[in-house]
Amino acid sequence: MTDNPKWHPAYATLSAAGRQVATYPNKANSLYVHEKLVLDDAGTPDATMLLGSQNATATSLTRNRELSVWLTAAQAPDILTAAAATFTADRTGATRWNNTR
């Protein structure tokens, strides 16, 4: 995520719920992550992936025309492996957000 102060309340809520939040600087030359990815059981034969354009909002899920692709490791193992590697690299390059700001 981008470390934008307008999102700090949401980050604090996620942190309070025990989730880790990782951010990139809010700068023009910094990586902007705009993916919607659900990756389950990555690296196993049962891995599945949902990759799409929709946000988890009522408008996005009920009114907008959005597109998602659901793939399994059996159907597209190379795509799941690449998606997992990209996610890991993005997460590794980010800074863990803390609620002391």
PDB file of N, CA and C in Angstrom:
ATOM      1  N   MET A   1       0.836  -1.166   0.000  1.00  0.00           N
ATOM      2  CA  MET A   1       0.000   0.000   0.000  1.00  0.00           C
ATOM      3  C   MET A   1       0.887   1.238   0.000  1.00  0.00           C
ATOM      4  N   THR A   2       0.283   2.344  -0.356  1.00  0.00           N
ATOM      5  CA  THR A   2       0.988   3.624  -0.312  1.00  0.00           C
ATOM      6  C   THR A   2       0.804   4.233   1.075  1.00  0.00           C
ATOM      7  N   ASP A   3       1.865   4.767   1.640  1.00  0.00           N
ATOM      8  CA  ASP A   3       1.792   5.367   2.972  1.00  0.00           C
ATOM      9  C   ASP A   3       1.180   6.764   2.875  1.00  0.00           C
ATOM     10  N   ASN A   4      -0.108   6.792   2.646  1.00  0.00           N
ATOM     11  CA  ASN A   4      -0.853   8.043   2.545  1.00  0.00           C
ATOM     12  C   ASN A   4      -1.590   8.261   3.859  1.00  0.00           C
ATOM     13  N   PRO A   5      -1.419   9.424   4.502  1.00  0.00           N
ATOM     14  CA  PRO A   5      -2.064   9.664   5.799  1.00  0.00           C
ATOM     15  C   PRO A   5      -3.578   9.449   5.801  1.00  0.00           C
ATOM     16  N   LYS A   6      -4.238   9.647   4.670  1.00  0.00           N
ATOM     17  CA  LYS A   6      -5.692   9.439   4.663  1.00  0.00           C
ATOM     18  C   LYS A   6      -6.064   7.983   4.903  1.00  0.00           C
ATOM     19  N   TRP A   7      -5.116   7.068   4.690  1.00  0.00           N
ATOM     20  CA  TRP A   7      -5.365   5.649   4.908  1.00  0.00           C
ATOM     21  C   TRP A   7      -4.902   5.164   6.280  1.00  0.00           C
ATOM     22  N   HIS A   8      -4.256   6.021   7.068  1.00  0.00           N
ATOM     23  CA  HIS A   8      -3.737   5.598   8.366  1.00  0.00           C
ATOM     24  C   HIS A   8      -4.816   5.032   9.294  1.00  0.00           C
ATOM     25  N   PRO A   9      -6.038   5.594   9.335  1.00  0.00           N
ATOM     26  CA  PRO A   9      -7.065   4.958  10.184  1.00  0.00           C
ATOM     27  C   PRO A   9      -7.364   3.514   9.767  1.00  0.00           C
ATOM     28  N   ALA A  10      -7.390   3.250   8.464  1.00  0.00           N
ATOM     29  CA  ALA A  10      -7.622   1.878   7.992  1.00  0.00           C
ATOM     30  C   ALA A  10      -6.443   0.985   8.354  1.00  0.00           C
ATOM     31  N   TYR A  11      -5.226   1.505   8.209  1.00  0.00           N
ATOM     32  CA  TYR A  11      -4.049   0.726   8.583  1.00  0.00           C
ATOM     33  C   TYR A  11      -4.074   0.409  10.075  1.00  0.00           C
ATOM     34  N   ALA A  12      -4.478   1.392  10.891  1.00  0.00           N
ATOM     35  CA  ALA A  12      -4.555   1.183  12.336  1.00  0.00           C
ATOM     36  C   ALA A  12      -5.578   0.101  12.668  1.00  0.00           C
ATOM     37  N   THR A  13      -6.709   0.100  11.969  1.00  0.00           N
ATOM     38  CA  THR A  13      -7.733  -0.926  12.191  1.00  0.00           C
ATOM     39  C   THR A  13      -7.187  -2.300  11.848  1.00  0.00           C
ATOM     40  N   LEU A  14      -6.515  -2.405  10.714  1.00  0.00           N
ATOM     41  CA  LEU A  14      -5.924  -3.686  10.322  1.00  0.00           C
ATOM     42  C   LEU A  14      -4.871  -4.136  11.325  1.00  0.00           C
ATOM     43  N   SER A  15      -4.029  -3.217  11.766  1.00  0.00           N
ATOM     44  CA  SER A  15      -2.990  -3.547  12.742  1.00  0.00           C
ATOM     45  C   SER A  15      -3.592  -4.012  14.057  1.00  0.00           C
ATOM     46  N   ALA A  16      -4.648  -3.326  14.496  1.00  0.00           N
ATOM     47  CA  ALA A  16      -5.313  -3.701  15.750  1.00  0.00           C
ATOM     48  C   ALA A  16      -5.935  -5.093  15.661  1.00  0.00           C
ATOM     49  N   ALA A  17      -6.284  -5.502  14.455  1.00  0.00           N
ATOM     50  CA  ALA A  17      -6.865  -6.830  14.243  1.00  0.00           C
ATOM     51  C   ALA A  17      -5.783  -7.899  14.065  1.00  0.00           C
ATOM     52  N   GLY A  18      -4.525  -7.502  14.222  1.00  0.00           N
ATOM     53  CA  GLY A  18      -3.442  -8.468  14.130  1.00  0.00           C
ATOM     54  C   GLY A  18      -2.861  -8.649  12.742  1.00  0.00           C
ATOM     55  N   ARG A  19      -3.233  -7.811  11.803  1.00  0.00           N
ATOM     56  CA  ARG A  19      -2.717  -7.904  10.430  1.00  0.00           C
ATOM     57  C   ARG A  19      -1.481  -7.033  10.291  1.00  0.00           C
ATOM     58  N   GLN A  20      -0.566  -7.471   9.468  1.00  0.00           N
ATOM     59  CA  GLN A  20       0.602  -6.661   9.150  1.00  0.00           C
ATOM     60  C   GLN A  20       0.272  -5.773   7.962  1.00  0.00           C
ATOM     61  N   VAL A  21       0.694  -4.531   8.037  1.00  0.00           N
ATOM     62  CA  VAL A  21       0.506  -3.582   6.951  1.00  0.00           C
ATOM     63  C   VAL A  21       1.888  -3.158   6.483  1.00  0.00           C
ATOM     64  N   ALA A  22       2.104  -3.222   5.189  1.00  0.00           N
ATOM     65  CA  ALA A  22       3.385  -2.819   4.615  1.00  0.00           C
ATOM     66  C   ALA A  22       3.119  -1.746   3.568  1.00  0.00           C
ATOM     67  N   THR A  23       3.945  -0.713   3.578  1.00  0.00           N
ATOM     68  CA  THR A  23       3.702   0.424   2.693  1.00  0.00           C
ATOM     69  C   THR A  23       4.953   0.825   1.917  1.00  0.00           C
ATOM     70  N   TYR A  24       4.685   1.508   0.825  1.00  0.00           N
ATOM     71  CA  TYR A  24       5.708   2.193   0.059  1.00  0.00           C
ATOM     72  C   TYR A  24       5.511   3.691   0.265  1.00  0.00           C
ATOM     73  N   PRO A  25       6.567   4.492   0.121  1.00  0.00           N
ATOM     74  CA  PRO A  25       6.439   5.936   0.313  1.00  0.00           C
ATOM     75  C   PRO A  25       5.412   6.548  -0.643  1.00  0.00           C
ATOM     76  N   ASN A  26       4.779   7.600  -0.198  1.00  0.00           N
ATOM     77  CA  ASN A  26       3.794   8.326  -1.004  1.00  0.00           C
ATOM     78  C   ASN A  26       4.535   9.344  -1.877  1.00  0.00           C
ATOM     79  N   LYS A  27       5.297   8.828  -2.833  1.00  0.00           N
ATOM     80  CA  LYS A  27       6.112   9.671  -3.722  1.00  0.00           C
ATOM     81  C   LYS A  27       5.911   9.227  -5.162  1.00  0.00           C
ATOM     82  N   ALA A  28       6.070  10.147  -6.070  1.00  0.00           N
ATOM     83  CA  ALA A  28       5.839   9.873  -7.492  1.00  0.00           C
ATOM     84  C   ALA A  28       6.754   8.768  -8.029  1.00  0.00           C
ATOM     85  N   ASN A  29       7.973   8.664  -7.533  1.00  0.00           N
ATOM     86  CA  ASN A  29       8.918   7.678  -8.069  1.00  0.00           C
ATOM     87  C   ASN A  29       8.889   6.352  -7.309  1.00  0.00           C
ATOM     88  N   SER A  30       7.960   6.197  -6.389  1.00  0.00           N
ATOM     89  CA  SER A  30       7.863   4.979  -5.598  1.00  0.00           C
ATOM     90  C   SER A  30       6.879   4.004  -6.238  1.00  0.00           C
ATOM     91  N   LEU A  31       7.049   2.733  -5.942  1.00  0.00           N
ATOM     92  CA  LEU A  31       6.150   1.721  -6.461  1.00  0.00           C
ATOM     93  C   LEU A  31       4.736   1.970  -5.961  1.00  0.00           C
ATOM     94  N   TYR A  32       3.771   1.938  -6.861  1.00  0.00           N
ATOM     95  CA  TYR A  32       2.360   2.054  -6.504  1.00  0.00           C
ATOM     96  C   TYR A  32       1.724   0.704  -6.760  1.00  0.00           C
ATOM     97  N   VAL A  33       1.258   0.056  -5.714  1.00  0.00           N
ATOM     98  CA  VAL A  33       0.667  -1.271  -5.828  1.00  0.00           C
ATOM     99  C   VAL A  33      -0.829  -1.111  -6.013  1.00  0.00           C
ATOM    100  N   HIS A  34      -1.338  -1.638  -7.127  1.00  0.00           N
ATOM    101  CA  HIS A  34      -2.763  -1.517  -7.444  1.00  0.00           C
ATOM    102  C   HIS A  34      -3.342  -2.877  -7.807  1.00  0.00           C
ATOM    103  N   GLU A  35      -2.857  -3.890  -7.126  1.00  0.00           N
ATOM    104  CA  GLU A  35      -3.318  -5.236  -7.457  1.00  0.00           C
ATOM    105  C   GLU A  35      -4.438  -5.663  -6.524  1.00  0.00           C
ATOM    106  N   LYS A  36      -5.258  -6.506  -7.038  1.00  0.00           N
ATOM    107  CA  LYS A  36      -6.277  -7.169  -6.245  1.00  0.00           C
ATOM    108  C   LYS A  36      -6.022  -8.657  -6.428  1.00  0.00           C
ATOM    109  N   LEU A  37      -5.372  -9.236  -5.462  1.00  0.00           N
ATOM    110  CA  LEU A  37      -4.915 -10.618  -5.572  1.00  0.00           C
ATOM    111  C   LEU A  37      -5.276 -11.389  -4.315  1.00  0.00           C
ATOM    112  N   VAL A  38      -5.888 -12.534  -4.503  1.00  0.00           N
ATOM    113  CA  VAL A  38      -6.101 -13.489  -3.423  1.00  0.00           C
ATOM    114  C   VAL A  38      -5.369 -14.749  -3.849  1.00  0.00           C
ATOM    115  N   LEU A  39      -4.386 -15.131  -3.081  1.00  0.00           N
ATOM    116  CA  LEU A  39      -3.577 -16.298  -3.393  1.00  0.00           C
ATOM    117  C   LEU A  39      -3.652 -17.236  -2.203  1.00  0.00           C
ATOM    118  N   ASP A  40      -4.204 -18.410  -2.406  1.00  0.00           N
ATOM    119  CA  ASP A  40      -4.431 -19.363  -1.327  1.00  0.00           C
ATOM    120  C   ASP A  40      -3.555 -20.593  -1.526  1.00  0.00           C
ATOM    121  N   ASP A  41      -2.901 -21.017  -0.474  1.00  0.00           N
ATOM    122  CA  ASP A  41      -2.046 -22.214  -0.492  1.00  0.00           C
ATOM    123  C   ASP A  41      -0.938 -22.119  -1.534  1.00  0.00           C
ATOM    124  N   ALA A  42      -0.332 -20.947  -1.655  1.00  0.00           N
ATOM    125  CA  ALA A  42       0.740 -20.740  -2.638  1.00  0.00           C
ATOM    126  C   ALA A  42       1.835 -21.787  -2.470  1.00  0.00           C
ATOM    127  N   GLY A  43       2.328 -22.278  -3.577  1.00  0.00           N
ATOM    128  CA  GLY A  43       3.413 -23.237  -3.570  1.00  0.00           C
ATOM    129  C   GLY A  43       2.997 -24.674  -3.348  1.00  0.00           C
ATOM    130  N   THR A  44       1.686 -24.903  -3.269  1.00  0.00           N
ATOM    131  CA  THR A  44       1.211 -26.274  -3.095  1.00  0.00           C
ATOM    132  C   THR A  44       0.405 -26.689  -4.324  1.00  0.00           C
ATOM    133  N   PRO A  45       0.165 -27.982  -4.506  1.00  0.00           N
ATOM    134  CA  PRO A  45      -0.646 -28.432  -5.646  1.00  0.00           C
ATOM    135  C   PRO A  45      -2.096 -27.945  -5.577  1.00  0.00           C
ATOM    136  N   ASP A  46      -2.539 -27.535  -4.376  1.00  0.00           N
ATOM    137  CA  ASP A  46      -3.911 -27.056  -4.200  1.00  0.00           C
ATOM    138  C   ASP A  46      -4.037 -25.544  -4.314  1.00  0.00           C
ATOM    139  N   ALA A  47      -2.989 -24.854  -4.725  1.00  0.00           N
ATOM    140  CA  ALA A  47      -3.007 -23.388  -4.784  1.00  0.00           C
ATOM    141  C   ALA A  47      -4.080 -22.886  -5.746  1.00  0.00           C
ATOM    142  N   THR A  48      -4.707 -21.789  -5.337  1.00  0.00           N
ATOM    143  CA  THR A  48      -5.690 -21.104  -6.182  1.00  0.00           C
ATOM    144  C   THR A  48      -5.408 -19.617  -6.119  1.00  0.00           C
ATOM    145  N   MET A  49      -5.842 -18.913  -7.170  1.00  0.00           N
ATOM    146  CA  MET A  49      -5.595 -17.485  -7.251  1.00  0.00           C
ATOM    147  C   MET A  49      -6.803 -16.789  -7.864  1.00  0.00           C
ATOM    148  N   LEU A  50      -7.194 -15.684  -7.251  1.00  0.00           N
ATOM    149  CA  LEU A  50      -8.193 -14.789  -7.815  1.00  0.00           C
ATOM    150  C   LEU A  50      -7.469 -13.485  -8.098  1.00  0.00           C
ATOM    151  N   LEU A  51      -7.450 -13.079  -9.334  1.00  0.00           N
ATOM    152  CA  LEU A  51      -6.784 -11.853  -9.752  1.00  0.00           C
ATOM    153  C   LEU A  51      -7.784 -11.043 -10.541  1.00  0.00           C
ATOM    154  N   GLY A  52      -7.998  -9.799 -10.120  1.00  0.00           N
ATOM    155  CA  GLY A  52      -9.007  -9.019 -10.813  1.00  0.00           C
ATOM    156  C   GLY A  52      -8.896  -7.536 -10.578  1.00  0.00           C
ATOM    157  N   SER A  53      -9.898  -6.824 -11.071  1.00  0.00           N
ATOM    158  CA  SER A  53      -9.899  -5.367 -10.998  1.00  0.00           C
ATOM    159  C   SER A  53     -10.772  -4.815  -9.891  1.00  0.00           C
ATOM    160  N   GLN A  54     -11.607  -5.641  -9.284  1.00  0.00           N
ATOM    161  CA  GLN A  54     -12.591  -5.126  -8.345  1.00  0.00           C
ATOM    162  C   GLN A  54     -12.008  -4.792  -6.984  1.00  0.00           C
ATOM    163  N   ASN A  55     -12.530  -3.729  -6.407  1.00  0.00           N
ATOM    164  CA  ASN A  55     -12.251  -3.398  -5.021  1.00  0.00           C
ATOM    165  C   ASN A  55     -13.280  -4.123  -4.162  1.00  0.00           C
ATOM    166  N   ALA A  56     -13.018  -4.217  -2.882  1.00  0.00           N
ATOM    167  CA  ALA A  56     -13.961  -4.863  -1.966  1.00  0.00           C
ATOM    168  C   ALA A  56     -14.939  -3.812  -1.432  1.00  0.00           C
ATOM    169  N   THR A  57     -15.668  -3.196  -2.351  1.00  0.00           N
ATOM    170  CA  THR A  57     -16.676  -2.201  -1.985  1.00  0.00           C
ATOM    171  C   THR A  57     -18.002  -2.612  -2.595  1.00  0.00           C
ATOM    172  N   ALA A  58     -19.090  -2.112  -2.023  1.00  0.00           N
ATOM    173  CA  ALA A  58     -20.415  -2.432  -2.560  1.00  0.00           C
ATOM    174  C   ALA A  58     -20.539  -1.971  -4.008  1.00  0.00           C
ATOM    175  N   THR A  59     -20.064  -0.777  -4.303  1.00  0.00           N
ATOM    176  CA  THR A  59     -20.157  -0.263  -5.670  1.00  0.00           C
ATOM    177  C   THR A  59     -19.385  -1.141  -6.642  1.00  0.00           C
ATOM    178  N   SER A  60     -18.173  -1.481  -6.287  1.00  0.00           N
ATOM    179  CA  SER A  60     -17.345  -2.295  -7.173  1.00  0.00           C
ATOM    180  C   SER A  60     -17.937  -3.680  -7.388  1.00  0.00           C
ATOM    181  N   LEU A  61     -18.507  -4.243  -6.337  1.00  0.00           N
ATOM    182  CA  LEU A  61     -19.006  -5.608  -6.424  1.00  0.00           C
ATOM    183  C   LEU A  61     -20.424  -5.720  -6.989  1.00  0.00           C
ATOM    184  N   THR A  62     -21.192  -4.627  -6.974  1.00  0.00           N
ATOM    185  CA  THR A  62     -22.584  -4.727  -7.423  1.00  0.00           C
ATOM    186  C   THR A  62     -22.952  -3.815  -8.579  1.00  0.00           C
ATOM    187  N   ARG A  63     -22.195  -2.737  -8.807  1.00  0.00           N
ATOM    188  CA  ARG A  63     -22.602  -1.783  -9.834  1.00  0.00           C
ATOM    189  C   ARG A  63     -21.606  -1.634 -10.977  1.00  0.00           C
ATOM    190  N   ASN A  64     -20.344  -1.789 -10.698  1.00  0.00           N
ATOM    191  CA  ASN A  64     -19.328  -1.625 -11.730  1.00  0.00           C
ATOM    192  C   ASN A  64     -19.178  -2.909 -12.540  1.00  0.00           C
ATOM    193  N   ARG A  65     -18.702  -2.749 -13.728  1.00  0.00           N
ATOM    194  CA  ARG A  65     -18.367  -3.922 -14.542  1.00  0.00           C
ATOM    195  C   ARG A  65     -16.900  -4.224 -14.307  1.00  0.00           C
ATOM    196  N   GLU A  66     -16.645  -5.238 -13.520  1.00  0.00           N
ATOM    197  CA  GLU A  66     -15.296  -5.611 -13.133  1.00  0.00           C
ATOM    198  C   GLU A  66     -14.965  -6.980 -13.720  1.00  0.00           C
ATOM    199  N   LEU A  67     -13.694  -7.305 -13.709  1.00  0.00           N
ATOM    200  CA  LEU A  67     -13.257  -8.573 -14.280  1.00  0.00           C
ATOM    201  C   LEU A  67     -12.308  -9.260 -13.304  1.00  0.00           C
ATOM    202  N   SER A  68     -12.522 -10.544 -13.113  1.00  0.00           N
ATOM    203  CA  SER A  68     -11.619 -11.355 -12.296  1.00  0.00           C
ATOM    204  C   SER A  68     -11.355 -12.676 -13.014  1.00  0.00           C
ATOM    205  N   VAL A  69     -10.224 -13.239 -12.706  1.00  0.00           N
ATOM    206  CA  VAL A  69      -9.859 -14.550 -13.228  1.00  0.00           C
ATOM    207  C   VAL A  69      -9.518 -15.425 -12.036  1.00  0.00           C
ATOM    208  N   TRP A  70     -10.127 -16.607 -11.983  1.00  0.00           N
ATOM    209  CA  TRP A  70      -9.848 -17.580 -10.939  1.00  0.00           C
ATOM    210  C   TRP A  70      -9.064 -18.712 -11.565  1.00  0.00           C
ATOM    211  N   LEU A  71      -7.869 -18.960 -11.063  1.00  0.00           N
ATOM    212  CA  LEU A  71      -7.018 -20.010 -11.611  1.00  0.00           C
ATOM    213  C   LEU A  71      -6.563 -20.952 -10.512  1.00  0.00           C
ATOM    214  N   THR A  72      -6.311 -22.177 -10.891  1.00  0.00           N
ATOM    215  CA  THR A  72      -5.754 -23.155  -9.961  1.00  0.00           C
ATOM    216  C   THR A  72      -4.341 -23.515 -10.410  1.00  0.00           C
ATOM    217  N   ALA A  73      -3.596 -24.102  -9.490  1.00  0.00           N
ATOM    218  CA  ALA A  73      -2.236 -24.547  -9.826  1.00  0.00           C
ATOM    219  C   ALA A  73      -2.266 -25.606 -10.913  1.00  0.00           C
ATOM    220  N   ALA A  74      -3.313 -26.405 -10.953  1.00  0.00           N
ATOM    221  CA  ALA A  74      -3.424 -27.426 -11.996  1.00  0.00           C
ATOM    222  C   ALA A  74      -3.618 -26.787 -13.371  1.00  0.00           C
ATOM    223  N   GLN A  75      -4.327 -25.658 -13.434  1.00  0.00           N
ATOM    224  CA  GLN A  75      -4.590 -24.995 -14.711  1.00  0.00           C
ATOM    225  C   GLN A  75      -3.409 -24.156 -15.186  1.00  0.00           C
ATOM    226  N   ALA A  76      -2.780 -23.440 -14.267  1.00  0.00           N
ATOM    227  CA  ALA A  76      -1.769 -22.457 -14.668  1.00  0.00           C
ATOM    228  C   ALA A  76      -0.677 -22.340 -13.605  1.00  0.00           C
ATOM    229  N   PRO A  77       0.112 -23.384 -13.411  1.00  0.00           N
ATOM    230  CA  PRO A  77       1.115 -23.350 -12.339  1.00  0.00           C
ATOM    231  C   PRO A  77       2.138 -22.228 -12.506  1.00  0.00           C
ATOM    232  N   ASP A  78       2.550 -21.924 -13.734  1.00  0.00           N
ATOM    233  CA  ASP A  78       3.545 -20.869 -13.952  1.00  0.00           C
ATOM    234  C   ASP A  78       2.993 -19.493 -13.586  1.00  0.00           C
ATOM    235  N   ILE A  79       1.721 -19.265 -13.852  1.00  0.00           N
ATOM    236  CA  ILE A  79       1.106 -17.969 -13.527  1.00  0.00           C
ATOM    237  C   ILE A  79       1.004 -17.803 -12.016  1.00  0.00           C
ATOM    238  N   LEU A  80       0.583 -18.842 -11.308  1.00  0.00           N
ATOM    239  CA  LEU A  80       0.507 -18.759  -9.848  1.00  0.00           C
ATOM    240  C   LEU A  80       1.887 -18.562  -9.229  1.00  0.00           C
ATOM    241  N   THR A  81       2.871 -19.246  -9.756  1.00  0.00           N
ATOM    242  CA  THR A  81       4.239 -19.090  -9.252  1.00  0.00           C
ATOM    243  C   THR A  81       4.735 -17.664  -9.477  1.00  0.00           C
ATOM    244  N   ALA A  82       4.478 -17.112 -10.663  1.00  0.00           N
ATOM    245  CA  ALA A  82       4.905 -15.744 -10.961  1.00  0.00           C
ATOM    246  C   ALA A  82       4.177 -14.732 -10.083  1.00  0.00           C
ATOM    247  N   ALA A  83       2.868 -14.922  -9.875  1.00  0.00           N
ATOM    248  CA  ALA A  83       2.100 -14.009  -9.027  1.00  0.00           C
ATOM    249  C   ALA A  83       2.608 -14.048  -7.592  1.00  0.00           C
ATOM    250  N   ALA A  84       2.894 -15.223  -7.092  1.00  0.00           N
ATOM    251  CA  ALA A  84       3.416 -15.358  -5.729  1.00  0.00           C
ATOM    252  C   ALA A  84       4.788 -14.701  -5.604  1.00  0.00           C
ATOM    253  N   ALA A  85       5.634 -14.860  -6.607  1.00  0.00           N
ATOM    254  CA  ALA A  85       6.967 -14.249  -6.575  1.00  0.00           C
ATOM    255  C   ALA A  85       6.882 -12.731  -6.610  1.00  0.00           C
ATOM    256  N   THR A  86       5.975 -12.191  -7.428  1.00  0.00           N
ATOM    257  CA  THR A  86       5.799 -10.738  -7.492  1.00  0.00           C
ATOM    258  C   THR A  86       5.279 -10.206  -6.168  1.00  0.00           C
ATOM    259  N   PHE A  87       4.286 -10.884  -5.581  1.00  0.00           N
ATOM    260  CA  PHE A  87       3.751 -10.470  -4.297  1.00  0.00           C
ATOM    261  C   PHE A  87       4.851 -10.463  -3.228  1.00  0.00           C
ATOM    262  N   THR A  88       5.645 -11.530  -3.190  1.00  0.00           N
ATOM    263  CA  THR A  88       6.716 -11.630  -2.203  1.00  0.00           C
ATOM    264  C   THR A  88       7.741 -10.518  -2.386  1.00  0.00           C
ATOM    265  N   ALA A  89       8.109 -10.238  -3.631  1.00  0.00           N
ATOM    266  CA  ALA A  89       9.078  -9.166  -3.893  1.00  0.00           C
ATOM    267  C   ALA A  89       8.519  -7.807  -3.489  1.00  0.00           C
ATOM    268  N   ASP A  90       7.244  -7.576  -3.804  1.00  0.00           N
ATOM    269  CA  ASP A  90       6.621  -6.305  -3.417  1.00  0.00           C
ATOM    270  C   ASP A  90       6.578  -6.168  -1.900  1.00  0.00           C
ATOM    271  N   ARG A  91       6.213  -7.239  -1.222  1.00  0.00           N
ATOM    272  CA  ARG A  91       6.119  -7.203   0.247  1.00  0.00           C
ATOM    273  C   ARG A  91       7.496  -7.013   0.864  1.00  0.00           C
ATOM    274  N   THR A  92       8.486  -7.668   0.312  1.00  0.00           N
ATOM    275  CA  THR A  92       9.849  -7.546   0.820  1.00  0.00           C
ATOM    276  C   THR A  92      10.382  -6.123   0.665  1.00  0.00           C
ATOM    277  N   GLY A  93      10.009  -5.468  -0.422  1.00  0.00           N
ATOM    278  CA  GLY A  93      10.484  -4.112  -0.671  1.00  0.00           C
ATOM    279  C   GLY A  93       9.756  -3.029   0.105  1.00  0.00           C
ATOM    280  N   ALA A  94       8.674  -3.378   0.748  1.00  0.00           N
ATOM    281  CA  ALA A  94       7.878  -2.404   1.497  1.00  0.00           C
ATOM    282  C   ALA A  94       8.382  -2.285   2.929  1.00  0.00           C
ATOM    283  N   THR A  95       7.934  -1.240   3.598  1.00  0.00           N
ATOM    284  CA  THR A  95       8.275  -1.000   4.996  1.00  0.00           C
ATOM    285  C   THR A  95       7.072  -1.325   5.869  1.00  0.00           C
ATOM    286  N   ARG A  96       7.311  -2.045   6.937  1.00  0.00           N
ATOM    287  CA  ARG A  96       6.202  -2.377   7.840  1.00  0.00           C
ATOM    288  C   ARG A  96       5.677  -1.082   8.472  1.00  0.00           C
ATOM    289  N   TRP A  97       4.378  -0.890   8.370  1.00  0.00           N
ATOM    290  CA  TRP A  97       3.726   0.295   8.915  1.00  0.00           C
ATOM    291  C   TRP A  97       3.490   0.089  10.398  1.00  0.00           C
ATOM    292  N   ASN A  98       3.674   1.147  11.176  1.00  0.00           N
ATOM    293  CA  ASN A  98       3.330   1.049  12.593  1.00  0.00           C
ATOM    294  C   ASN A  98       2.419   2.217  12.949  1.00  0.00           C
ATOM    295  N   ASN A  99       1.697   2.063  14.007  1.00  0.00           N
ATOM    296  CA  ASN A  99       0.659   3.013  14.387  1.00  0.00           C
ATOM    297  C   ASN A  99       1.191   4.144  15.274  1.00  0.00           C
ATOM    298  N   THR A 100       2.459   4.453  15.164  1.00  0.00           N
ATOM    299  CA  THR A 100       3.035   5.509  16.013  1.00  0.00           C
ATOM    300  C   THR A 100       3.173   6.830  15.275  1.00  0.00           C
ATOM    301  N   ARG A 101       2.542   6.940  14.117  1.00  0.00           N
ATOM    302  CA  ARG A 101       2.682   8.172  13.330  1.00  0.00           C
ATOM    303  C   ARG A 101       1.663   9.199  13.737  1.00  0.00           C
TER     304      ARG A 101
END
